[in-house]
PDB file of N, CA and C in Angstrom:
ATOM      1  N   MET A   1      -3.648  22.241  23.463  1.00  0.00           N
ATOM      2  CA  MET A   1      -4.366  22.221  22.136  1.00  0.00           C
ATOM      3  C   MET A   1      -3.745  21.012  21.438  1.00  0.00           C
ATOM      4  N   PRO A   2      -4.084  20.051  21.131  1.00  0.00           N
ATOM      5  CA  PRO A   2      -3.541  19.080  20.464  1.00  0.00           C
ATOM      6  C   PRO A   2      -3.890  19.313  19.098  1.00  0.00           C
ATOM      7  N   ALA A   3      -2.887  18.296  18.667  1.00  0.00           N
ATOM      8  CA  ALA A   3      -2.777  18.572  17.090  1.00  0.00           C
ATOM      9  C   ALA A   3      -2.549  17.360  16.233  1.00  0.00           C
ATOM     10  N   TYR A   4      -2.781  17.176  15.212  1.00  0.00           N
ATOM     11  CA  TYR A   4      -3.082  15.937  14.254  1.00  0.00           C
ATOM     12  C   TYR A   4      -2.291  16.054  13.228  1.00  0.00           C
ATOM     13  N   ILE A   5      -1.598  14.813  12.857  1.00  0.00           N
ATOM     14  CA  ILE A   5      -0.573  14.551  11.777  1.00  0.00           C
ATOM     15  C   ILE A   5      -1.985  13.733  10.889  1.00  0.00           C
ATOM     16  N   VAL A   6      -2.424  14.184   9.556  1.00  0.00           N
ATOM     17  CA  VAL A   6      -2.921  13.126   8.461  1.00  0.00           C
ATOM     18  C   VAL A   6      -2.014  12.475   8.025  1.00  0.00           C
ATOM     19  N   ALA A   7      -1.583  11.582   7.750  1.00  0.00           N
ATOM     20  CA  ALA A   7      -1.019  10.814   6.377  1.00  0.00           C
ATOM     21  C   ALA A   7      -1.755  10.225   5.269  1.00  0.00           C
ATOM     22  N   ASN A   8      -1.627  10.936   4.147  1.00  0.00           N
ATOM     23  CA  ASN A   8      -2.170  10.018   2.791  1.00  0.00           C
ATOM     24  C   ASN A   8      -1.127   9.249   2.230  1.00  0.00           C
ATOM     25  N   VAL A   9      -1.349   7.706   2.007  1.00  0.00           N
ATOM     26  CA  VAL A   9      -0.384   7.338   1.807  1.00  0.00           C
ATOM     27  C   VAL A   9      -0.266   6.427   0.475  1.00  0.00           C
ATOM     28  N   SER A  10       0.470   5.808  -0.181  1.00  0.00           N
ATOM     29  CA  SER A  10       0.226   5.416  -1.768  1.00  0.00           C
ATOM     30  C   SER A  10       1.760   4.493  -1.903  1.00  0.00           C
ATOM     31  N   ILE A  11       1.711   2.867  -1.068  1.00  0.00           N
ATOM     32  CA  ILE A  11       2.877   2.143  -0.615  1.00  0.00           C
ATOM     33  C   ILE A  11       2.748   2.152  -1.945  1.00  0.00           C
ATOM     34  N   GLU A  12       4.823   1.781  -2.291  1.00  0.00           N
ATOM     35  CA  GLU A  12       5.026   1.233  -3.835  1.00  0.00           C
ATOM     36  C   GLU A  12       5.724  -0.634  -3.217  1.00  0.00           C
ATOM     37  N   ASP A  13       6.551  -0.163  -2.083  1.00  0.00           N
ATOM     38  CA  ASP A  13       7.021  -0.899  -1.334  1.00  0.00           C
ATOM     39  C   ASP A  13       6.515  -1.733  -0.747  1.00  0.00           C
ATOM     40  N   ALA A  14       5.624  -2.905  -0.339  1.00  0.00           N
ATOM     41  CA  ALA A  14       4.887  -3.445   0.489  1.00  0.00           C
ATOM     42  C   ALA A  14       5.822  -4.042   1.932  1.00  0.00           C
ATOM     43  N   ALA A  15       6.645  -4.883   1.276  1.00  0.00           N
ATOM     44  CA  ALA A  15       7.449  -5.297   2.485  1.00  0.00           C
ATOM     45  C   ALA A  15       8.798  -4.410   2.877  1.00  0.00           C
ATOM     46  N   LYS A  16       8.699  -2.905   2.644  1.00  0.00           N
ATOM     47  CA  LYS A  16       9.648  -2.175   3.022  1.00  0.00           C
ATOM     48  C   LYS A  16       8.965  -1.293   4.366  1.00  0.00           C
ATOM     49  N   TYR A  17       7.161  -1.070   3.589  1.00  0.00           N
ATOM     50  CA  TYR A  17       6.821  -0.833   4.381  1.00  0.00           C
ATOM     51  C   TYR A  17       6.399  -0.842   5.394  1.00  0.00           C
ATOM     52  N   GLU A  18       6.257  -2.687   5.564  1.00  0.00           N
ATOM     53  CA  GLU A  18       6.204  -3.243   7.162  1.00  0.00           C
ATOM     54  C   GLU A  18       7.254  -3.048   7.770  1.00  0.00           C
ATOM     55  N   GLU A  19       8.872  -2.534   7.264  1.00  0.00           N
ATOM     56  CA  GLU A  19       9.435  -2.612   8.264  1.00  0.00           C
ATOM     57  C   GLU A  19       9.302  -1.135   9.084  1.00  0.00           C
ATOM     58  N   TYR A  20       9.027  -0.027   8.159  1.00  0.00           N
ATOM     59  CA  TYR A  20       8.203   1.057   8.949  1.00  0.00           C
ATOM     60  C   TYR A  20       7.189   1.241   9.232  1.00  0.00           C
ATOM     61  N   LYS A  21       6.261   0.404   9.914  1.00  0.00           N
ATOM     62  CA  LYS A  21       5.217   0.443  10.514  1.00  0.00           C
ATOM     63  C   LYS A  21       5.954   0.058  12.025  1.00  0.00           C
ATOM     64  N   LYS A  22       6.866  -0.811  11.716  1.00  0.00           N
ATOM     65  CA  LYS A  22       7.597  -1.173  12.996  1.00  0.00           C
ATOM     66  C   LYS A  22       8.258  -0.227  13.791  1.00  0.00           C
ATOM     67  N   ALA A  23       8.929   0.238  13.027  1.00  0.00           N
ATOM     68  CA  ALA A  23      10.101   1.628  13.254  1.00  0.00           C
ATOM     69  C   ALA A  23       9.049   2.432  13.950  1.00  0.00           C
ATOM     70  N   ALA A  24       8.095   3.378  13.218  1.00  0.00           N
ATOM     71  CA  ALA A  24       7.647   4.673  13.609  1.00  0.00           C
ATOM     72  C   ALA A  24       6.774   4.557  15.100  1.00  0.00           C
ATOM     73  N   PRO A  25       6.055   3.508  15.476  1.00  0.00           N
ATOM     74  CA  PRO A  25       5.623   4.038  16.760  1.00  0.00           C
ATOM     75  C   PRO A  25       6.151   4.161  18.005  1.00  0.00           C
ATOM     76  N   PRO A  26       6.953   3.838  18.184  1.00  0.00           N
ATOM     77  CA  PRO A  26       7.826   4.186  19.184  1.00  0.00           C
ATOM     78  C   PRO A  26       8.489   6.007  19.511  1.00  0.00           C
ATOM     79  N   SER A  27       8.922   6.215  18.275  1.00  0.00           N
ATOM     80  CA  SER A  27       8.952   7.305  17.873  1.00  0.00           C
ATOM     81  C   SER A  27       7.999   8.373  18.472  1.00  0.00           C
ATOM     82  N   ILE A  28       6.619   7.599  17.888  1.00  0.00           N
ATOM     83  CA  ILE A  28       5.280   8.869  17.956  1.00  0.00           C
ATOM     84  C   ILE A  28       5.585   9.060  19.023  1.00  0.00           C
ATOM     85  N   ALA A  29       4.834   7.521  20.034  1.00  0.00           N
ATOM     86  CA  ALA A  29       4.614   7.007  21.508  1.00  0.00           C
ATOM     87  C   ALA A  29       6.194   8.650  22.479  1.00  0.00           C
ATOM     88  N   LYS A  30       7.145   8.078  22.380  1.00  0.00           N
ATOM     89  CA  LYS A  30       7.905   9.233  22.652  1.00  0.00           C
ATOM     90  C   LYS A  30       7.655  10.555  22.695  1.00  0.00           C
ATOM     91  N   HIS A  31       7.178  10.870  21.871  1.00  0.00           N
ATOM     92  CA  HIS A  31       6.367  12.701  21.273  1.00  0.00           C
ATOM     93  C   HIS A  31       5.108  12.821  21.779  1.00  0.00           C
ATOM     94  N   GLY A  32       4.924  11.918  22.862  1.00  0.00           N
ATOM     95  CA  GLY A  32       3.377  11.919  23.344  1.00  0.00           C
ATOM     96  C   GLY A  32       2.308  11.459  22.796  1.00  0.00           C
ATOM     97  N   GLY A  33       2.666  11.313  21.104  1.00  0.00           N
ATOM     98  CA  GLY A  33       1.592  10.512  20.183  1.00  0.00           C
ATOM     99  C   GLY A  33       0.680   9.940  20.364  1.00  0.00           C
ATOM    100  N   ARG A  34      -0.567   9.287  19.519  1.00  0.00           N
ATOM    101  CA  ARG A  34      -1.065   8.475  19.600  1.00  0.00           C
ATOM    102  C   ARG A  34      -1.905   8.159  18.135  1.00  0.00           C
ATOM    103  N   TYR A  35      -1.676   6.799  17.840  1.00  0.00           N
ATOM    104  CA  TYR A  35      -2.824   6.471  16.269  1.00  0.00           C
ATOM    105  C   TYR A  35      -4.372   6.425  17.298  1.00  0.00           C
ATOM    106  N   ILE A  36      -4.777   7.350  16.191  1.00  0.00           N
ATOM    107  CA  ILE A  36      -6.396   7.594  16.216  1.00  0.00           C
ATOM    108  C   ILE A  36      -6.966   6.867  15.394  1.00  0.00           C
ATOM    109  N   ALA A  37      -6.425   6.977  13.822  1.00  0.00           N
ATOM    110  CA  ALA A  37      -6.358   6.069  12.689  1.00  0.00           C
ATOM    111  C   ALA A  37      -5.707   5.392  11.907  1.00  0.00           C
ATOM    112  N   ARG A  38      -5.690   3.719  11.809  1.00  0.00           N
ATOM    113  CA  ARG A  38      -4.347   3.214  11.212  1.00  0.00           C
ATOM    114  C   ARG A  38      -4.764   2.200   9.925  1.00  0.00           C
ATOM    115  N   ALA A  39      -5.027   2.782   8.981  1.00  0.00           N
ATOM    116  CA  ALA A  39      -5.334   2.124   7.706  1.00  0.00           C
ATOM    117  C   ALA A  39      -6.904   1.039   7.809  1.00  0.00           C
ATOM    118  N   GLY A  40      -7.403   1.828   8.732  1.00  0.00           N
ATOM    119  CA  GLY A  40      -8.613   1.314   8.522  1.00  0.00           C
ATOM    120  C   GLY A  40     -10.184   1.477   7.240  1.00  0.00           C
ATOM    121  N   ARG A  41     -10.911   0.500   7.283  1.00  0.00           N
ATOM    122  CA  ARG A  41     -11.781   1.415   6.473  1.00  0.00           C
ATOM    123  C   ARG A  41     -12.260   2.573   6.334  1.00  0.00           C
ATOM    124  N   SER A  42     -12.143   3.194   4.236  1.00  0.00           N
ATOM    125  CA  SER A  42     -11.969   4.183   4.706  1.00  0.00           C
ATOM    126  C   SER A  42     -13.208   4.789   3.394  1.00  0.00           C
ATOM    127  N   GLU A  43     -13.416   5.952   3.145  1.00  0.00           N
ATOM    128  CA  GLU A  43     -13.582   6.324   1.771  1.00  0.00           C
ATOM    129  C   GLU A  43     -14.403   7.473   1.577  1.00  0.00           C
ATOM    130  N   ALA A  44     -14.206   7.973   0.415  1.00  0.00           N
ATOM    131  CA  ALA A  44     -14.350   9.623  -0.327  1.00  0.00           C
ATOM    132  C   ALA A  44     -16.161  10.094   0.231  1.00  0.00           C
ATOM    133  N   LEU A  45     -16.488  10.766   0.771  1.00  0.00           N
ATOM    134  CA  LEU A  45     -17.580  10.973   0.991  1.00  0.00           C
ATOM    135  C   LEU A  45     -17.723  12.218   0.008  1.00  0.00           C
ATOM    136  N   GLU A  46     -16.940  12.907  -0.531  1.00  0.00           N
ATOM    137  CA  GLU A  46     -16.698  14.364  -0.973  1.00  0.00           C
ATOM    138  C   GLU A  46     -15.013  14.432  -1.850  1.00  0.00           C
ATOM    139  N   GLY A  47     -15.504  14.661  -3.240  1.00  0.00           N
ATOM    140  CA  GLY A  47     -14.118  14.885  -3.784  1.00  0.00           C
ATOM    141  C   GLY A  47     -12.874  13.432  -3.978  1.00  0.00           C
ATOM    142  N   ALA A  48     -11.516  13.027  -4.775  1.00  0.00           N
ATOM    143  CA  ALA A  48     -11.423  12.525  -4.737  1.00  0.00           C
ATOM    144  C   ALA A  48      -9.964  11.839  -4.069  1.00  0.00           C
ATOM    145  N   MET A  49      -9.727  10.904  -3.165  1.00  0.00           N
ATOM    146  CA  MET A  49      -9.074  10.047  -1.971  1.00  0.00           C
ATOM    147  C   MET A  49      -8.147   8.905  -2.797  1.00  0.00           C
ATOM    148  N   PRO A  50      -6.736   9.773  -3.264  1.00  0.00           N
ATOM    149  CA  PRO A  50      -6.219   9.101  -4.352  1.00  0.00           C
ATOM    150  C   PRO A  50      -5.276   8.036  -3.867  1.00  0.00           C
ATOM    151  N   ARG A  51      -4.806   8.050  -2.406  1.00  0.00           N
ATOM    152  CA  ARG A  51      -4.107   7.040  -1.872  1.00  0.00           C
ATOM    153  C   ARG A  51      -4.614   6.113  -1.345  1.00  0.00           C
ATOM    154  N   GLN A  52      -3.881   4.618  -1.079  1.00  0.00           N
ATOM    155  CA  GLN A  52      -4.366   3.587  -0.426  1.00  0.00           C
ATOM    156  C   GLN A  52      -5.251   3.162   1.375  1.00  0.00           C
ATOM    157  N   ARG A  53      -3.667   4.426   1.593  1.00  0.00           N
ATOM    158  CA  ARG A  53      -3.648   4.049   3.646  1.00  0.00           C
ATOM    159  C   ARG A  53      -3.884   5.755   4.090  1.00  0.00           C
ATOM    160  N   LEU A  54      -4.594   5.586   4.722  1.00  0.00           N
ATOM    161  CA  LEU A  54      -5.037   7.063   5.583  1.00  0.00           C
ATOM    162  C   LEU A  54      -4.283   6.684   6.936  1.00  0.00           C
ATOM    163  N   VAL A  55      -3.580   7.483   7.448  1.00  0.00           N
ATOM    164  CA  VAL A  55      -3.125   7.324   8.982  1.00  0.00           C
ATOM    165  C   VAL A  55      -3.480   8.965   9.721  1.00  0.00           C
ATOM    166  N   LEU A  56      -4.237   8.845  11.212  1.00  0.00           N
ATOM    167  CA  LEU A  56      -4.319  10.147  11.752  1.00  0.00           C
ATOM    168  C   LEU A  56      -3.879   9.475  13.319  1.00  0.00           C
ATOM    169  N   LEU A  57      -2.788  10.619  13.378  1.00  0.00           N
ATOM    170  CA  LEU A  57      -1.804  10.953  14.489  1.00  0.00           C
ATOM    171  C   LEU A  57      -2.902  11.677  15.286  1.00  0.00           C
ATOM    172  N   GLU A  58      -2.319  11.825  16.686  1.00  0.00           N
ATOM    173  CA  GLU A  58      -3.136  13.147  17.723  1.00  0.00           C
ATOM    174  C   GLU A  58      -1.659  13.210  18.792  1.00  0.00           C
ATOM    175  N   PHE A  59      -1.053  14.842  18.779  1.00  0.00           N
ATOM    176  CA  PHE A  59       0.094  14.993  19.584  1.00  0.00           C
ATOM    177  C   PHE A  59      -0.606  16.023  21.127  1.00  0.00           C
ATOM    178  N   PRO A  60      -0.051  16.223  21.755  1.00  0.00           N
ATOM    179  CA  PRO A  60      -0.780  16.968  22.987  1.00  0.00           C
ATOM    180  C   PRO A  60      -0.752  18.437  21.936  1.00  0.00           C
ATOM    181  N   SER A  61       0.213  18.694  21.408  1.00  0.00           N
ATOM    182  CA  SER A  61      -0.049  20.590  21.208  1.00  0.00           C
ATOM    183  C   SER A  61       0.968  19.928  19.832  1.00  0.00           C
ATOM    184  N   TYR A  62       0.548  21.204  18.908  1.00  0.00           N
ATOM    185  CA  TYR A  62       1.081  21.396  17.642  1.00  0.00           C
ATOM    186  C   TYR A  62       2.645  21.111  17.727  1.00  0.00           C
ATOM    187  N   GLU A  63       3.502  21.720  18.685  1.00  0.00           N
ATOM    188  CA  GLU A  63       4.780  22.051  18.569  1.00  0.00           C
ATOM    189  C   GLU A  63       5.088  20.182  18.898  1.00  0.00           C
ATOM    190  N   ALA A  64       4.656  19.646  19.837  1.00  0.00           N
ATOM    191  CA  ALA A  64       5.099  18.126  20.087  1.00  0.00           C
ATOM    192  C   ALA A  64       4.941  17.632  18.353  1.00  0.00           C
ATOM    193  N   ALA A  65       3.939  17.815  17.843  1.00  0.00           N
ATOM    194  CA  ALA A  65       3.798  17.376  16.519  1.00  0.00           C
ATOM    195  C   ALA A  65       5.281  17.404  15.590  1.00  0.00           C
ATOM    196  N   LYS A  66       5.543  18.898  15.670  1.00  0.00           N
ATOM    197  CA  LYS A  66       6.763  19.346  14.970  1.00  0.00           C
ATOM    198  C   LYS A  66       7.894  19.054  15.610  1.00  0.00           C
ATOM    199  N   GLN A  67       7.982  18.694  16.603  1.00  0.00           N
ATOM    200  CA  GLN A  67       9.513  17.673  17.343  1.00  0.00           C
ATOM    201  C   GLN A  67       9.718  16.719  17.393  1.00  0.00           C
ATOM    202  N   TRP A  68       8.297  15.689  16.701  1.00  0.00           N
ATOM    203  CA  TRP A  68       8.975  14.382  17.037  1.00  0.00           C
ATOM    204  C   TRP A  68       9.105  14.417  15.018  1.00  0.00           C
ATOM    205  N   TRP A  69       8.305  15.527  14.074  1.00  0.00           N
ATOM    206  CA  TRP A  69       8.387  15.220  12.660  1.00  0.00           C
ATOM    207  C   TRP A  69       9.727  15.483  12.271  1.00  0.00           C
ATOM    208  N   ASP A  70      10.051  16.387  13.326  1.00  0.00           N
ATOM    209  CA  ASP A  70      12.401  16.862  13.205  1.00  0.00           C
ATOM    210  C   ASP A  70      13.095  15.917  13.953  1.00  0.00           C
ATOM    211  N   SER A  71      12.180  14.926  14.567  1.00  0.00           N
ATOM    212  CA  SER A  71      13.275  14.566  15.854  1.00  0.00           C
ATOM    213  C   SER A  71      14.698  13.516  15.034  1.00  0.00           C
ATOM    214  N   THR A  72      15.825  13.254  15.385  1.00  0.00           N
ATOM    215  CA  THR A  72      16.473  11.800  15.312  1.00  0.00           C
ATOM    216  C   THR A  72      15.587  10.591  15.478  1.00  0.00           C
ATOM    217  N   GLU A  73      14.758  10.674  16.562  1.00  0.00           N
ATOM    218  CA  GLU A  73      14.150   9.598  16.943  1.00  0.00           C
ATOM    219  C   GLU A  73      13.189   8.972  15.578  1.00  0.00           C
ATOM    220  N   TYR A  74      12.318   9.507  14.509  1.00  0.00           N
ATOM    221  CA  TYR A  74      12.188   9.109  13.453  1.00  0.00           C
ATOM    222  C   TYR A  74      12.463   9.921  12.365  1.00  0.00           C
ATOM    223  N   ALA A  75      13.867   9.881  12.566  1.00  0.00           N
ATOM    224  CA  ALA A  75      14.402  10.341  10.990  1.00  0.00           C
ATOM    225  C   ALA A  75      14.238   8.997  10.231  1.00  0.00           C
ATOM    226  N   ASP A  76      15.213   7.866  10.988  1.00  0.00           N
ATOM    227  CA  ASP A  76      15.536   6.951  10.267  1.00  0.00           C
ATOM    228  C   ASP A  76      13.985   5.812   9.309  1.00  0.00           C
ATOM    229  N   ALA A  77      13.155   6.029  10.264  1.00  0.00           N
ATOM    230  CA  ALA A  77      11.758   5.510   9.624  1.00  0.00           C
ATOM    231  C   ALA A  77      11.256   6.471   8.555  1.00  0.00           C
ATOM    232  N   LYS A  78      11.718   7.717   8.726  1.00  0.00           N
ATOM    233  CA  LYS A  78      10.603   8.737   7.803  1.00  0.00           C
ATOM    234  C   LYS A  78      11.423   8.557   6.643  1.00  0.00           C
ATOM    235  N   ALA A  79      12.689   8.385   6.819  1.00  0.00           N
ATOM    236  CA  ALA A  79      13.548   7.916   5.262  1.00  0.00           C
ATOM    237  C   ALA A  79      13.394   6.795   4.676  1.00  0.00           C
ATOM    238  N   LEU A  80      12.588   5.646   5.662  1.00  0.00           N
ATOM    239  CA  LEU A  80      12.575   4.258   4.912  1.00  0.00           C
ATOM    240  C   LEU A  80      10.879   4.558   4.309  1.00  0.00           C
ATOM    241  N   ARG A  81       9.855   5.323   4.988  1.00  0.00           N
ATOM    242  CA  ARG A  81       8.988   5.425   4.002  1.00  0.00           C
ATOM    243  C   ARG A  81       8.843   6.081   3.353  1.00  0.00           C
ATOM    244  N   GLN A  82       9.598   7.248   3.331  1.00  0.00           N
ATOM    245  CA  GLN A  82       9.975   7.832   1.853  1.00  0.00           C
ATOM    246  C   GLN A  82      10.653   7.259   0.916  1.00  0.00           C
ATOM    247  N   SER A  83      11.542   6.271   1.152  1.00  0.00           N
ATOM    248  CA  SER A  83      11.873   5.549   0.490  1.00  0.00           C
ATOM    249  C   SER A  83      10.997   3.859  -0.488  1.00  0.00           C
ATOM    250  N   CYS A  84       9.909   4.211  -0.038  1.00  0.00           N
ATOM    251  CA  CYS A  84       8.538   3.259  -0.439  1.00  0.00           C
ATOM    252  C   CYS A  84       7.742   3.178  -0.517  1.00  0.00           C
ATOM    253  N   ALA A  85       7.090   4.667  -0.479  1.00  0.00           N
ATOM    254  CA  ALA A  85       5.996   4.704  -0.485  1.00  0.00           C
ATOM    255  C   ALA A  85       5.731   6.462  -0.962  1.00  0.00           C
ATOM    256  N   ARG A  86       4.735   7.147  -1.357  1.00  0.00           N
ATOM    257  CA  ARG A  86       4.475   8.374  -1.731  1.00  0.00           C
ATOM    258  C   ARG A  86       3.795   8.786  -0.627  1.00  0.00           C
ATOM    259  N   SER A  87       3.523   9.966   0.194  1.00  0.00           N
ATOM    260  CA  SER A  87       2.900  10.505   0.647  1.00  0.00           C
ATOM    261  C   SER A  87       2.605  11.641   0.780  1.00  0.00           C
ATOM    262  N   ASP A  88       1.199  12.426   1.294  1.00  0.00           N
ATOM    263  CA  ASP A  88       0.633  13.650   1.798  1.00  0.00           C
ATOM    264  C   ASP A  88       0.843  13.686   3.442  1.00  0.00           C
ATOM    265  N   ILE A  89       1.521  14.659   3.663  1.00  0.00           N
ATOM    266  CA  ILE A  89       1.645  14.729   5.275  1.00  0.00           C
ATOM    267  C   ILE A  89       1.137  15.940   5.757  1.00  0.00           C
ATOM    268  N   ILE A  90      -0.135  16.192   6.170  1.00  0.00           N
ATOM    269  CA  ILE A  90      -0.531  17.633   7.071  1.00  0.00           C
ATOM    270  C   ILE A  90      -0.401  17.414   8.721  1.00  0.00           C
ATOM    271  N   LEU A  91      -0.042  18.714   8.896  1.00  0.00           N
ATOM    272  CA  LEU A  91      -0.086  18.938  10.648  1.00  0.00           C
ATOM    273  C   LEU A  91      -1.293  20.070  10.459  1.00  0.00           C
ATOM    274  N   ILE A  92      -2.452  19.616  11.377  1.00  0.00           N
ATOM    275  CA  ILE A  92      -3.424  20.854  11.597  1.00  0.00           C
ATOM    276  C   ILE A  92      -3.429  20.732  12.782  1.00  0.00           C
ATOM    277  N   GLU A  93      -3.652  22.411  13.174  1.00  0.00           N
ATOM    278  CA  GLU A  93      -3.820  22.484  15.048  1.00  0.00           C
ATOM    279  C   GLU A  93      -5.573  21.592  15.656  1.00  0.00           C
ATOM    280  N   GLY A  94      -5.656  21.330  16.573  1.00  0.00           N
ATOM    281  CA  GLY A  94      -7.992  21.050  16.945  1.00  0.00           C
ATOM    282  C   GLY A  94      -7.946  22.368  17.808  1.00  0.00           C
ATOM    283  N   THR A  95      -8.591  22.522  17.582  1.00  0.00           N
ATOM    284  CA  THR A  95     -10.379  23.149  18.370  1.00  0.00           C
ATOM    285  C   THR A  95      -9.241  23.518  20.459  1.00  0.00           C
ATOM    286  N   PRO A  96      -9.509  23.724  20.780  1.00  0.00           N
ATOM    287  CA  PRO A  96      -9.107  24.339  22.143  1.00  0.00           C
ATOM    288  C   PRO A  96     -10.239  23.246  22.707  1.00  0.00           C
ATOM    289  N   PRO A  97     -10.197  22.871  24.253  1.00  0.00           N
ATOM    290  CA  PRO A  97     -10.989  22.286  25.073  1.00  0.00           C
ATOM    291  C   PRO A  97     -11.973  23.292  25.277  1.00  0.00           C
ATOM    292  N   GLY A  98     -13.368  22.797  25.322  1.00  0.00           N
ATOM    293  CA  GLY A  98     -14.763  23.597  25.648  1.00  0.00           C
ATOM    294  C   GLY A  98     -14.751  24.014  23.932  1.00  0.00           C
ATOM    295  N   PHE A  99     -14.365  23.944  22.975  1.00  0.00           N
ATOM    296  CA  PHE A  99     -14.946  24.455  22.010  1.00  0.00           C
ATOM    297  C   PHE A  99     -15.830  24.576  21.547  1.00  0.00           C
ATOM    298  N   THR A 100     -17.096  25.246  21.365  1.00  0.00           N
ATOM    299  CA  THR A 100     -18.151  25.781  20.423  1.00  0.00           C
ATOM    300  C   THR A 100     -18.441  26.035  19.590  1.00  0.00           C
ATOM    301  N   PRO A 101     -18.729  25.821  17.886  1.00  0.00           N
ATOM    302  CA  PRO A 101     -19.220  26.578  17.135  1.00  0.00           C
ATOM    303  C   PRO A 101     -20.180  27.960  17.056  1.00  0.00           C
TER     304      PRO A 101
END
């Protein structure tokens, strides 16, 4: 079952964040993840959306997403992001194949 990471980011140092954008993708790919959305056009349809940049990642499973988050491959990139941006990061499990409500 897939899992998703939703990142809601407010960038405080744009130059450092550009470094992060180059550093993170190899670690994501190594853990089977891929970008679904990466800071394209967005708007709040209901409620508030206080940050500037939304990112949506898909991983093959909840466990794969957690392994990426805790990995040594992502550790340096994560520290870089934390030094130049404020973020809310959420991990959510997807629905099983064939799910119908």
